[in-house]
């Protein structure tokens, strides 16, 4: 992509967009709610840590699960495999320093081979849709009634991802231009029957 040009991607997968994009625009119920870098959105909407633990044996996994149940009761088990577990922990319950302190205290005792603590992905963030929902409209005019009928209801969060103009991120000389055609819809209605 040459300077001054961008590629617009649309996806429902935040993970995909985090890997491909430098800037994100998030739409909820058809309205643009926020725009920024991935890190900016994680800081604003992120709600904790992902803790991944690899153990030396399957028995050690059971010990790690017991440890989490006792020490991090609010943690949610996301994945459990033969020698690996992954938990999501909200940052409001504990600080990052406390997480590392507790993990370091028991890593040798519980047979932990290694562990990692990372920021939650935008896919894992519950705050994104909760903070950005639109309050119901109180308009009662015919136009307000029409608009409320046309407003999408309980639609999933739609993600619009924007790739910024950074040529070093691309492996090809292709300009990657995308063209869009404008679609227009016409509505005819009787205002006496709307409300």
Protein backbone atom coordinates (compact mmCIF):
# COMPACT_ATOMS: atom_id res chain seq x y z
CA UNK A 1 0.00 0.00 0.00
CA UNK A 2 1.37 3.36 -0.96
CA UNK A 3 1.40 6.36 1.35
CA UNK A 4 -1.99 8.02 1.56
CA UNK A 5 -3.98 4.83 0.97
CA UNK A 6 -5.68 2.38 3.29
CA UNK A 7 -7.39 -1.00 3.17
CA UNK A 8 -10.70 -1.42 4.96
CA UNK A 9 -11.44 -4.87 6.39
CA UNK A 10 -14.69 -5.93 8.01
CA UNK A 11 -14.65 -8.81 10.47
CA UNK A 12 -16.43 -10.17 13.51
CA UNK A 13 -13.16 -11.73 14.73
CA UNK A 14 -11.24 -9.38 16.99
CA UNK A 15 -8.30 -11.80 17.05
CA UNK A 16 -8.03 -11.63 13.27
CA UNK A 17 -8.12 -7.84 13.33
CA UNK A 18 -5.53 -7.64 16.10
CA UNK A 19 -3.15 -9.65 13.89
CA UNK A 20 -3.78 -7.71 10.66
CA UNK A 21 -4.54 -4.13 11.61
CA UNK A 22 -2.92 -1.12 13.19
CA UNK A 23 -6.14 0.81 13.82
CA UNK A 24 -9.67 -0.37 14.61
CA UNK A 25 -13.05 1.27 14.32
CA UNK A 26 -15.75 -0.52 16.30
CA UNK A 27 -19.42 -0.31 15.42
CA UNK A 28 -22.21 -1.39 17.77
CA UNK A 29 -25.77 -1.58 16.45
CA UNK A 30 -24.73 0.22 13.28
CA UNK A 31 -23.10 3.19 15.01
CA UNK A 32 -19.40 4.00 15.17
CA UNK A 33 -18.45 3.87 18.85
CA UNK A 34 -14.67 4.13 18.98
CA UNK A 35 -11.58 4.41 16.83
CA UNK A 36 -7.99 3.87 17.84
CA UNK A 37 -4.97 1.64 17.95
CA UNK A 38 -5.33 -1.89 19.24
CA UNK A 39 -3.45 -1.04 22.44
CA UNK A 40 -5.63 2.04 23.04
CA UNK A 41 -8.79 -0.06 22.75
CA UNK A 42 -7.36 -2.81 24.98
CA UNK A 43 -6.51 -0.23 27.63
CA UNK A 44 -9.97 1.31 27.40
CA UNK A 45 -12.08 -1.85 27.14
CA UNK A 46 -9.76 -4.58 28.37
CA UNK A 47 -10.87 -6.18 31.57
CA UNK A 48 -8.04 -8.26 32.88
CA UNK A 49 -5.43 -10.88 32.24
CA UNK A 50 -5.15 -14.23 30.50
CA UNK A 51 -2.97 -16.62 32.51
CA UNK A 52 -1.71 -19.67 30.64
CA UNK A 53 0.04 -22.40 32.63
CA UNK A 54 1.92 -25.40 31.19
CA UNK A 55 2.74 -28.21 33.59
CA UNK A 56 5.07 -31.21 33.56
CA UNK A 57 2.26 -33.77 33.99
CA UNK A 58 -1.51 -34.13 33.90
CA UNK A 59 -1.53 -34.57 37.71
CA UNK A 60 0.15 -31.17 38.00
CA UNK A 61 -2.75 -29.65 36.00
CA UNK A 62 -5.16 -30.87 38.69
CA UNK A 63 -2.98 -29.22 41.35
CA UNK A 64 -2.89 -25.96 39.38
CA UNK A 65 -6.70 -25.98 39.04
CA UNK A 66 -7.01 -26.46 42.82
CA UNK A 67 -4.53 -23.61 43.36
CA UNK A 68 -6.55 -21.26 41.13
CA UNK A 69 -9.82 -22.23 42.82
CA UNK A 70 -8.35 -21.33 46.23
CA UNK A 71 -6.25 -18.28 45.36
CA UNK A 72 -8.16 -16.75 42.42
CA UNK A 73 -11.79 -17.82 43.01
CA UNK A 74 -13.07 -15.17 40.58
CA UNK A 75 -10.87 -16.51 37.74
CA UNK A 76 -12.70 -18.21 34.88
CA UNK A 77 -11.27 -21.40 33.42
CA UNK A 78 -11.16 -20.89 29.64
CA UNK A 79 -9.23 -23.96 28.46
CA UNK A 80 -8.01 -27.19 30.00
CA UNK A 81 -5.86 -29.71 28.17
CA UNK A 82 -3.55 -32.55 29.14
CA UNK A 83 -0.75 -30.34 30.50
CA UNK A 84 -2.11 -26.83 29.92
CA UNK A 85 -4.75 -24.59 31.51
CA UNK A 86 -5.80 -21.06 30.68
CA UNK A 87 -7.67 -18.69 32.99
CA UNK A 88 -9.17 -15.26 32.53
CA UNK A 89 -8.86 -12.98 35.55
CA UNK A 90 -10.44 -9.54 35.81
CA UNK A 91 -7.93 -6.85 36.78
CA UNK A 92 -10.36 -5.30 39.28
CA UNK A 93 -9.87 -8.32 41.54
CA UNK A 94 -6.08 -8.39 41.71
CA UNK A 95 -3.03 -6.48 40.54
CA UNK A 96 -0.52 -7.78 38.02
CA UNK A 97 2.18 -7.77 40.72
CA UNK A 98 0.03 -10.00 42.95
CA UNK A 99 -0.55 -12.45 40.08
CA UNK A 100 3.19 -12.78 39.43
CA UNK A 101 3.97 -13.01 43.15
CA UNK A 102 1.54 -15.88 43.72
CA UNK A 103 2.60 -17.71 40.56
CA UNK A 104 6.30 -17.46 41.44
CA UNK A 105 5.64 -18.79 44.96
CA UNK A 106 4.08 -22.02 43.68
CA UNK A 107 5.67 -22.61 40.28
CA UNK A 108 8.25 -25.08 41.62
CA UNK A 109 5.89 -26.79 44.07
CA UNK A 110 3.06 -27.41 41.58
CA UNK A 111 5.23 -28.75 38.76
CA UNK A 112 4.71 -25.74 36.52
CA UNK A 113 6.95 -25.88 33.47
CA UNK A 114 6.16 -22.30 32.44
CA UNK A 115 3.39 -19.73 32.60
CA UNK A 116 2.48 -16.51 30.87
CA UNK A 117 0.32 -13.57 31.83
CA UNK A 118 -1.05 -11.39 29.05
CA UNK A 119 -3.65 -8.73 28.55
CA UNK A 120 -7.06 -10.05 27.48
CA UNK A 121 -7.80 -9.85 23.79
CA UNK A 122 -10.65 -7.67 22.56
CA UNK A 123 -12.58 -10.88 21.79
CA UNK A 124 -12.44 -11.77 25.48
CA UNK A 125 -13.52 -8.34 26.65
CA UNK A 126 -17.04 -8.18 28.10
CA UNK A 127 -16.71 -4.41 28.57
CA UNK A 128 -16.74 -3.66 24.87
CA UNK A 129 -20.41 -4.25 24.21
CA UNK A 130 -21.64 -3.41 27.74
CA UNK A 131 -20.10 0.07 27.76
CA UNK A 132 -21.13 0.88 24.22
CA UNK A 133 -24.81 -0.09 24.07
CA UNK A 134 -27.22 2.60 23.03
CA UNK A 135 -30.10 3.60 25.32
CA UNK A 136 -33.57 3.16 23.82
CA UNK A 137 -34.90 6.19 21.98
CA UNK A 138 -37.79 8.15 23.45
CA UNK A 139 -38.82 9.73 20.14
CA UNK A 140 -42.55 9.38 19.45
CA UNK A 141 -42.87 11.42 16.24
CA UNK A 142 -43.71 9.50 13.04
CA UNK A 143 -40.12 9.91 11.89
CA UNK A 144 -38.88 8.74 15.31
CA UNK A 145 -41.15 5.68 15.10
CA UNK A 146 -39.83 4.89 11.62
CA UNK A 147 -36.24 5.24 12.76
CA UNK A 148 -36.87 2.99 15.75
CA UNK A 149 -38.35 0.35 13.42
CA UNK A 150 -35.31 0.53 11.17
CA UNK A 151 -32.80 0.42 14.06
CA UNK A 152 -31.09 -2.99 14.28
CA UNK A 153 -32.04 -4.98 17.37
CA UNK A 154 -29.71 -7.25 19.35
CA UNK A 155 -27.20 -7.36 16.53
CA UNK A 156 -23.74 -8.72 17.38
CA UNK A 157 -20.93 -6.25 17.71
CA UNK A 158 -19.60 -5.52 14.25
CA UNK A 159 -15.96 -4.72 13.85
CA UNK A 160 -14.58 -2.45 11.19
CA UNK A 161 -10.82 -2.69 10.96
CA UNK A 162 -8.66 -0.12 9.26
CA UNK A 163 -5.14 -0.85 8.13
CA UNK A 164 -3.06 2.30 8.48
CA UNK A 165 -0.64 3.41 5.81
CA UNK A 166 2.46 1.61 6.96
CA UNK A 167 4.26 0.04 3.97
CA UNK A 168 6.68 -1.89 6.16
CA UNK A 169 3.76 -4.09 7.30
CA UNK A 170 3.17 -5.45 3.78
CA UNK A 171 5.08 -8.09 1.81
CA UNK A 172 3.82 -7.09 -1.63
CA UNK A 173 4.03 -4.13 -3.99
CA UNK A 174 0.31 -4.51 -4.79
CA UNK A 175 -1.53 -1.31 -3.91
CA UNK A 176 -4.47 -3.28 -2.53
CA UNK A 177 -7.09 -0.73 -3.58
CA UNK A 178 -10.70 -1.48 -2.78
CA UNK A 179 -13.57 0.27 -4.51
CA UNK A 180 -17.07 0.52 -3.13
CA UNK A 181 -20.36 1.23 -4.85
CA UNK A 182 -22.92 3.29 -3.00
CA UNK A 183 -26.26 1.59 -2.48
CA UNK A 184 -29.40 3.64 -1.97
CA UNK A 185 -32.69 2.42 -0.59
CA UNK A 186 -35.97 4.23 -1.00
CA UNK A 187 -38.73 4.02 1.56
CA UNK A 188 -42.36 4.89 1.11
CA UNK A 189 -44.71 4.80 4.06
CA UNK A 190 -47.96 6.14 5.41
CA UNK A 191 -47.21 8.28 8.49
CA UNK A 192 -50.70 7.67 9.88
CA UNK A 193 -50.00 3.98 10.53
CA UNK A 194 -46.52 4.16 12.03
CA UNK A 195 -47.26 4.65 15.74
